[in-house]
């Protein structure tokens, strides 16, 4: 009697858990997005702090001075 009850309960439990399952359909959606580089550069400039902006200005000034000194020396060849 216990064996039958055990078998029936296992069968019913298995039946209830397997019959009520819903099939899950996973769809993969791929979207292509075009990103313009100018928008990224503008966003980066907005996120920069005062140190980054001043460092960029100083760097351009130093580069100009270096270019002027190179022109003064001239081409030795």
PDB file of N, CA and C in Angstrom:
ATOM      1  N   UNK A   1       0.822  -1.187   0.000  1.00  0.00           N
ATOM      2  CA  UNK A   1       0.000   0.000   0.000  1.00  0.00           C
ATOM      3  C   UNK A   1       0.875   1.264   0.000  1.00  0.00           C
ATOM      4  N   UNK A   2       1.903   1.288   0.811  1.00  0.00           N
ATOM      5  CA  UNK A   2       2.790   2.439   0.856  1.00  0.00           C
ATOM      6  C   UNK A   2       3.526   2.606  -0.479  1.00  0.00           C
ATOM      7  N   UNK A   3       3.899   1.497  -1.068  1.00  0.00           N
ATOM      8  CA  UNK A   3       4.620   1.525  -2.334  1.00  0.00           C
ATOM      9  C   UNK A   3       3.741   2.129  -3.433  1.00  0.00           C
ATOM     10  N   UNK A   4       2.470   1.735  -3.483  1.00  0.00           N
ATOM     11  CA  UNK A   4       1.544   2.268  -4.488  1.00  0.00           C
ATOM     12  C   UNK A   4       1.337   3.773  -4.280  1.00  0.00           C
ATOM     13  N   UNK A   5       1.171   4.136  -3.027  1.00  0.00           N
ATOM     14  CA  UNK A   5       0.978   5.550  -2.724  1.00  0.00           C
ATOM     15  C   UNK A   5       2.220   6.363  -3.147  1.00  0.00           C
ATOM     16  N   UNK A   6       3.372   5.840  -2.900  1.00  0.00           N
ATOM     17  CA  UNK A   6       4.616   6.489  -3.278  1.00  0.00           C
ATOM     18  C   UNK A   6       4.721   6.622  -4.801  1.00  0.00           C
ATOM     19  N   UNK A   7       4.423   5.578  -5.514  1.00  0.00           N
ATOM     20  CA  UNK A   7       4.485   5.599  -6.984  1.00  0.00           C
ATOM     21  C   UNK A   7       3.464   6.597  -7.541  1.00  0.00           C
ATOM     22  N   UNK A   8       2.256   6.575  -7.029  1.00  0.00           N
ATOM     23  CA  UNK A   8       1.208   7.486  -7.504  1.00  0.00           C
ATOM     24  C   UNK A   8       1.592   8.937  -7.212  1.00  0.00           C
ATOM     25  N   UNK A   9       2.140   9.210  -6.047  1.00  0.00           N
ATOM     26  CA  UNK A   9       2.525  10.586  -5.712  1.00  0.00           C
ATOM     27  C   UNK A   9       3.682  11.057  -6.598  1.00  0.00           C
ATOM     28  N   UNK A  10       4.632  10.194  -6.890  1.00  0.00           N
ATOM     29  CA  UNK A  10       5.732  10.563  -7.776  1.00  0.00           C
ATOM     30  C   UNK A  10       5.221  10.841  -9.186  1.00  0.00           C
ATOM     31  N   UNK A  11       4.336  10.002  -9.670  1.00  0.00           N
ATOM     32  CA  UNK A  11       3.781  10.182 -11.013  1.00  0.00           C
ATOM     33  C   UNK A  11       2.977  11.481 -11.085  1.00  0.00           C
ATOM     34  N   UNK A  12       2.151  11.744 -10.097  1.00  0.00           N
ATOM     35  CA  UNK A  12       1.353  12.967 -10.097  1.00  0.00           C
ATOM     36  C   UNK A  12       2.235  14.218  -9.989  1.00  0.00           C
ATOM     37  N   UNK A  13       3.249  14.148  -9.171  1.00  0.00           N
ATOM     38  CA  UNK A  13       4.159  15.283  -9.027  1.00  0.00           C
ATOM     39  C   UNK A  13       4.893  15.544 -10.333  1.00  0.00           C
ATOM     40  N   UNK A  14       5.353  14.501 -10.945  1.00  0.00           N
ATOM     41  CA  UNK A  14       6.049  14.633 -12.225  1.00  0.00           C
ATOM     42  C   UNK A  14       5.108  15.182 -13.284  1.00  0.00           C
ATOM     43  N   UNK A  15       3.900  14.702 -13.312  1.00  0.00           N
ATOM     44  CA  UNK A  15       2.913  15.139 -14.291  1.00  0.00           C
ATOM     45  C   UNK A  15       2.573  16.625 -14.104  1.00  0.00           C
ATOM     46  N   UNK A  16       2.410  17.058 -12.872  1.00  0.00           N
ATOM     47  CA  UNK A  16       2.017  18.454 -12.651  1.00  0.00           C
ATOM     48  C   UNK A  16       3.149  19.415 -13.008  1.00  0.00           C
ATOM     49  N   UNK A  17       4.384  19.056 -12.706  1.00  0.00           N
ATOM     50  CA  UNK A  17       5.482  19.967 -13.002  1.00  0.00           C
ATOM     51  C   UNK A  17       5.862  19.975 -14.479  1.00  0.00           C
ATOM     52  N   UNK A  18       5.674  18.885 -15.164  1.00  0.00           N
ATOM     53  CA  UNK A  18       6.066  18.859 -16.577  1.00  0.00           C
ATOM     54  C   UNK A  18       4.946  19.307 -17.491  1.00  0.00           C
ATOM     55  N   UNK A  19       3.727  19.137 -17.139  1.00  0.00           N
ATOM     56  CA  UNK A  19       2.635  19.481 -18.042  1.00  0.00           C
ATOM     57  C   UNK A  19       2.306  20.970 -18.012  1.00  0.00           C
ATOM     58  N   UNK A  20       2.621  21.656 -16.947  1.00  0.00           N
ATOM     59  CA  UNK A  20       2.260  23.057 -16.826  1.00  0.00           C
ATOM     60  C   UNK A  20       3.358  24.007 -17.277  1.00  0.00           C
ATOM     61  N   UNK A  21       4.429  23.498 -17.739  1.00  0.00           N
ATOM     62  CA  UNK A  21       5.513  24.365 -18.171  1.00  0.00           C
ATOM     63  C   UNK A  21       5.160  25.059 -19.474  1.00  0.00           C
ATOM     64  N   UNK A  22       5.484  26.318 -19.507  1.00  0.00           N
ATOM     65  CA  UNK A  22       5.292  27.070 -20.737  1.00  0.00           C
ATOM     66  C   UNK A  22       6.590  27.046 -21.534  1.00  0.00           C
ATOM     67  N   UNK A  23       6.449  27.011 -22.810  1.00  0.00           N
ATOM     68  CA  UNK A  23       7.630  27.043 -23.642  1.00  0.00           C
ATOM     69  C   UNK A  23       8.116  28.488 -23.737  1.00  0.00           C
ATOM     70  N   UNK A  24       9.375  28.676 -23.464  1.00  0.00           N
ATOM     71  CA  UNK A  24       9.954  30.010 -23.496  1.00  0.00           C
ATOM     72  C   UNK A  24      10.654  30.183 -24.841  1.00  0.00           C
ATOM     73  N   UNK A  25      10.208  31.182 -25.572  1.00  0.00           N
ATOM     74  CA  UNK A  25      10.815  31.474 -26.872  1.00  0.00           C
ATOM     75  C   UNK A  25      11.686  32.713 -26.715  1.00  0.00           C
ATOM     76  N   UNK A  26      12.978  32.520 -26.854  1.00  0.00           N
ATOM     77  CA  UNK A  26      13.905  33.643 -26.779  1.00  0.00           C
ATOM     78  C   UNK A  26      14.242  34.092 -28.184  1.00  0.00           C
ATOM     79  N   UNK A  27      13.979  35.365 -28.435  1.00  0.00           N
ATOM     80  CA  UNK A  27      14.314  35.920 -29.733  1.00  0.00           C
ATOM     81  C   UNK A  27      15.465  36.897 -29.558  1.00  0.00           C
ATOM     82  N   UNK A  28      16.417  36.793 -30.428  1.00  0.00           N
ATOM     83  CA  UNK A  28      17.550  37.710 -30.382  1.00  0.00           C
ATOM     84  C   UNK A  28      17.314  38.815 -31.393  1.00  0.00           C
ATOM     85  N   UNK A  29      17.308  40.036 -30.895  1.00  0.00           N
ATOM     86  CA  UNK A  29      17.078  41.188 -31.753  1.00  0.00           C
ATOM     87  C   UNK A  29      18.384  41.964 -31.847  1.00  0.00           C
ATOM     88  N   UNK A  30      18.843  42.130 -33.061  1.00  0.00           N
ATOM     89  CA  UNK A  30      20.081  42.863 -33.294  1.00  0.00           C
ATOM     90  C   UNK A  30      19.716  44.175 -33.971  1.00  0.00           C
ATOM     91  N   UNK A  31      20.134  45.265 -33.347  1.00  0.00           N
ATOM     92  CA  UNK A  31      19.844  46.574 -33.911  1.00  0.00           C
ATOM     93  C   UNK A  31      21.159  47.261 -34.233  1.00  0.00           C
ATOM     94  N   UNK A  32      21.199  47.835 -35.399  1.00  0.00           N
ATOM     95  CA  UNK A  32      22.391  48.566 -35.794  1.00  0.00           C
ATOM     96  C   UNK A  32      22.157  50.044 -35.526  1.00  0.00           C
ATOM     97  N   UNK A  33      23.127  50.632 -34.882  1.00  0.00           N
ATOM     98  CA  UNK A  33      23.019  52.045 -34.546  1.00  0.00           C
ATOM     99  C   UNK A  33      24.254  52.755 -35.074  1.00  0.00           C
ATOM    100  N   UNK A  34      24.035  53.833 -35.786  1.00  0.00           N
ATOM    101  CA  UNK A  34      25.158  54.612 -36.285  1.00  0.00           C
ATOM    102  C   UNK A  34      25.470  55.703 -35.269  1.00  0.00           C
ATOM    103  N   UNK A  35      26.730  55.785 -34.940  1.00  0.00           N
ATOM    104  CA  UNK A  35      27.175  56.788 -33.991  1.00  0.00           C
ATOM    105  C   UNK A  35      28.151  57.702 -34.704  1.00  0.00           C
ATOM    106  N   UNK A  36      27.876  58.979 -34.635  1.00  0.00           N
ATOM    107  CA  UNK A  36      28.774  59.933 -35.269  1.00  0.00           C
ATOM    108  C   UNK A  36      29.872  60.304 -34.296  1.00  0.00           C
ATOM    109  N   UNK A  37      31.069  60.363 -34.816  1.00  0.00           N
ATOM    110  CA  UNK A  37      32.231  60.628 -33.978  1.00  0.00           C
ATOM    111  C   UNK A  37      32.180  62.026 -33.377  1.00  0.00           C
ATOM    112  N   UNK A  38      31.613  62.969 -34.077  1.00  0.00           N
ATOM    113  CA  UNK A  38      31.527  64.335 -33.570  1.00  0.00           C
ATOM    114  C   UNK A  38      30.712  64.393 -32.293  1.00  0.00           C
ATOM    115  N   UNK A  39      29.638  63.615 -32.234  1.00  0.00           N
ATOM    116  CA  UNK A  39      28.809  63.588 -31.035  1.00  0.00           C
ATOM    117  C   UNK A  39      29.594  63.058 -29.843  1.00  0.00           C
ATOM    118  N   UNK A  40      30.431  62.083 -30.086  1.00  0.00           N
ATOM    119  CA  UNK A  40      31.238  61.510 -29.003  1.00  0.00           C
ATOM    120  C   UNK A  40      32.252  62.535 -28.521  1.00  0.00           C
ATOM    121  N   UNK A  41      32.887  63.247 -29.460  1.00  0.00           N
ATOM    122  CA  UNK A  41      33.878  64.244 -29.076  1.00  0.00           C
ATOM    123  C   UNK A  41      33.233  65.377 -28.285  1.00  0.00           C
ATOM    124  N   UNK A  42      32.041  65.781 -28.673  1.00  0.00           N
ATOM    125  CA  UNK A  42      31.343  66.842 -27.943  1.00  0.00           C
ATOM    126  C   UNK A  42      31.009  66.371 -26.538  1.00  0.00           C
ATOM    127  N   UNK A  43      30.553  65.132 -26.422  1.00  0.00           N
ATOM    128  CA  UNK A  43      30.221  64.594 -25.100  1.00  0.00           C
ATOM    129  C   UNK A  43      31.466  64.479 -24.231  1.00  0.00           C
ATOM    130  N   UNK A  44      32.598  64.118 -24.828  1.00  0.00           N
ATOM    131  CA  UNK A  44      33.838  64.015 -24.066  1.00  0.00           C
ATOM    132  C   UNK A  44      34.290  65.390 -23.596  1.00  0.00           C
ATOM    133  N   UNK A  45      34.137  66.399 -24.443  1.00  0.00           N
ATOM    134  CA  UNK A  45      34.531  67.746 -24.051  1.00  0.00           C
ATOM    135  C   UNK A  45      33.666  68.262 -22.904  1.00  0.00           C
ATOM    136  N   UNK A  46      32.399  67.913 -22.917  1.00  0.00           N
ATOM    137  CA  UNK A  46      31.513  68.346 -21.850  1.00  0.00           C
ATOM    138  C   UNK A  46      31.856  67.668 -20.531  1.00  0.00           C
ATOM    139  N   UNK A  47      32.368  66.455 -20.586  1.00  0.00           N
ATOM    140  CA  UNK A  47      32.686  65.716 -19.374  1.00  0.00           C
ATOM    141  C   UNK A  47      34.066  66.046 -18.815  1.00  0.00           C
ATOM    142  N   UNK A  48      34.870  66.792 -19.553  1.00  0.00           N
ATOM    143  CA  UNK A  48      36.218  67.102 -19.100  1.00  0.00           C
ATOM    144  C   UNK A  48      36.176  68.153 -18.002  1.00  0.00           C
ATOM    145  N   UNK A  49      37.155  68.056 -17.141  1.00  0.00           N
ATOM    146  CA  UNK A  49      37.263  69.031 -16.081  1.00  0.00           C
ATOM    147  C   UNK A  49      38.167  70.179 -16.485  1.00  0.00           C
ATOM    148  N   UNK A  50      38.373  71.104 -15.563  1.00  0.00           N
ATOM    149  CA  UNK A  50      39.179  72.285 -15.837  1.00  0.00           C
ATOM    150  C   UNK A  50      40.631  71.923 -16.095  1.00  0.00           C
ATOM    151  N   UNK A  51      41.126  70.901 -15.410  1.00  0.00           N
ATOM    152  CA  UNK A  51      42.516  70.502 -15.609  1.00  0.00           C
ATOM    153  C   UNK A  51      42.765  69.981 -17.010  1.00  0.00           C
ATOM    154  N   UNK A  52      41.847  69.181 -17.528  1.00  0.00           N
ATOM    155  CA  UNK A  52      42.021  68.630 -18.869  1.00  0.00           C
ATOM    156  C   UNK A  52      41.977  69.730 -19.921  1.00  0.00           C
ATOM    157  N   UNK A  53      41.071  70.700 -19.745  1.00  0.00           N
ATOM    158  CA  UNK A  53      40.955  71.778 -20.726  1.00  0.00           C
ATOM    159  C   UNK A  53      42.200  72.665 -20.717  1.00  0.00           C
ATOM    160  N   UNK A  54      42.685  73.015 -19.537  1.00  0.00           N
ATOM    161  CA  UNK A  54      43.880  73.856 -19.474  1.00  0.00           C
ATOM    162  C   UNK A  54      45.105  73.103 -19.974  1.00  0.00           C
ATOM    163  N   UNK A  55      45.181  71.812 -19.683  1.00  0.00           N
ATOM    164  CA  UNK A  55      46.315  71.014 -20.170  1.00  0.00           C
ATOM    165  C   UNK A  55      46.318  70.974 -21.688  1.00  0.00           C
ATOM    166  N   UNK A  56      45.159  70.877 -22.301  1.00  0.00           N
ATOM    167  CA  UNK A  56      45.087  70.865 -23.758  1.00  0.00           C
ATOM    168  C   UNK A  56      45.550  72.201 -24.326  1.00  0.00           C
ATOM    169  N   UNK A  57      45.144  73.309 -23.706  1.00  0.00           N
ATOM    170  CA  UNK A  57      45.557  74.629 -24.186  1.00  0.00           C
ATOM    171  C   UNK A  57      47.067  74.804 -24.051  1.00  0.00           C
ATOM    172  N   UNK A  58      47.591  74.410 -22.915  1.00  0.00           N
ATOM    173  CA  UNK A  58      49.038  74.528 -22.697  1.00  0.00           C
ATOM    174  C   UNK A  58      49.790  73.653 -23.690  1.00  0.00           C
ATOM    175  N   UNK A  59      49.287  72.481 -23.949  1.00  0.00           N
ATOM    176  CA  UNK A  59      49.939  71.573 -24.883  1.00  0.00           C
ATOM    177  C   UNK A  59      49.992  72.181 -26.282  1.00  0.00           C
ATOM    178  N   UNK A  60      48.914  72.805 -26.726  1.00  0.00           N
ATOM    179  CA  UNK A  60      48.929  73.423 -28.061  1.00  0.00           C
ATOM    180  C   UNK A  60      49.897  74.595 -28.098  1.00  0.00           C
ATOM    181  N   UNK A  61      49.960  75.379 -27.011  1.00  0.00           N
ATOM    182  CA  UNK A  61      50.902  76.504 -26.983  1.00  0.00           C
ATOM    183  C   UNK A  61      52.347  76.013 -27.011  1.00  0.00           C
ATOM    184  N   UNK A  62      52.643  74.980 -26.265  1.00  0.00           N
ATOM    185  CA  UNK A  62      53.995  74.425 -26.248  1.00  0.00           C
ATOM    186  C   UNK A  62      54.354  73.866 -27.619  1.00  0.00           C
ATOM    187  N   UNK A  63      53.410  73.211 -28.257  1.00  0.00           N
ATOM    188  CA  UNK A  63      53.672  72.681 -29.600  1.00  0.00           C
ATOM    189  C   UNK A  63      53.968  73.807 -30.588  1.00  0.00           C
ATOM    190  N   UNK A  64      53.246  74.917 -30.465  1.00  0.00           N
ATOM    191  CA  UNK A  64      53.501  76.051 -31.349  1.00  0.00           C
ATOM    192  C   UNK A  64      54.910  76.604 -31.125  1.00  0.00           C
ATOM    193  N   UNK A  65      55.294  76.729 -29.857  1.00  0.00           N
ATOM    194  CA  UNK A  65      56.632  77.242 -29.553  1.00  0.00           C
ATOM    195  C   UNK A  65      57.717  76.310 -30.076  1.00  0.00           C
ATOM    196  N   UNK A  66      57.510  75.031 -29.943  1.00  0.00           N
ATOM    197  CA  UNK A  66      58.478  74.048 -30.452  1.00  0.00           C
ATOM    198  C   UNK A  66      58.584  74.165 -31.966  1.00  0.00           C
ATOM    199  N   UNK A  67      57.455  74.303 -32.646  1.00  0.00           N
ATOM    200  CA  UNK A  67      57.474  74.448 -34.105  1.00  0.00           C
ATOM    201  C   UNK A  67      58.220  75.715 -34.526  1.00  0.00           C
ATOM    202  N   UNK A  68      58.015  76.819 -33.769  1.00  0.00           N
ATOM    203  CA  UNK A  68      58.711  78.061 -34.092  1.00  0.00           C
ATOM    204  C   UNK A  68      60.227  77.906 -33.928  1.00  0.00           C
ATOM    205  N   UNK A  69      60.653  77.240 -32.869  1.00  0.00           N
ATOM    206  CA  UNK A  69      62.083  77.033 -32.639  1.00  0.00           C
ATOM    207  C   UNK A  69      62.694  76.151 -33.729  1.00  0.00           C
ATOM    208  N   UNK A  70      61.948  75.156 -34.150  1.00  0.00           N
ATOM    209  CA  UNK A  70      62.436  74.283 -35.232  1.00  0.00           C
ATOM    210  C   UNK A  70      62.584  75.084 -36.514  1.00  0.00           C
ATOM    211  N   UNK A  71      61.639  75.985 -36.791  1.00  0.00           N
ATOM    212  CA  UNK A  71      61.726  76.809 -37.991  1.00  0.00           C
ATOM    213  C   UNK A  71      62.902  77.773 -37.908  1.00  0.00           C
ATOM    214  N   UNK A  72      63.194  78.310 -36.700  1.00  0.00           N
ATOM    215  CA  UNK A  72      64.323  79.221 -36.534  1.00  0.00           C
ATOM    216  C   UNK A  72      65.653  78.527 -36.819  1.00  0.00           C
ATOM    217  N   UNK A  73      65.753  77.269 -36.338  1.00  0.00           N
ATOM    218  CA  UNK A  73      66.977  76.525 -36.568  1.00  0.00           C
ATOM    219  C   UNK A  73      67.142  76.249 -38.056  1.00  0.00           C
ATOM    220  N   UNK A  74      66.069  75.916 -38.687  1.00  0.00           N
ATOM    221  CA  UNK A  74      66.091  75.708 -40.128  1.00  0.00           C
ATOM    222  C   UNK A  74      66.591  74.318 -40.485  1.00  0.00           C
ATOM    223  N   UNK A  75      66.716  74.107 -41.782  1.00  0.00           N
ATOM    224  CA  UNK A  75      67.155  72.824 -42.307  1.00  0.00           C
ATOM    225  C   UNK A  75      68.663  72.885 -42.552  1.00  0.00           C
ATOM    226  N   UNK A  76      69.418  72.073 -41.845  1.00  0.00           N
ATOM    227  CA  UNK A  76      70.875  72.089 -41.956  1.00  0.00           C
ATOM    228  C   UNK A  76      71.403  71.273 -43.144  1.00  0.00           C
ATOM    229  N   UNK A  77      70.592  70.581 -43.825  1.00  0.00           N
ATOM    230  CA  UNK A  77      71.059  69.743 -44.918  1.00  0.00           C
ATOM    231  C   UNK A  77      71.441  70.528 -46.099  1.00  0.00           C
TER     232      UNK A  77
END
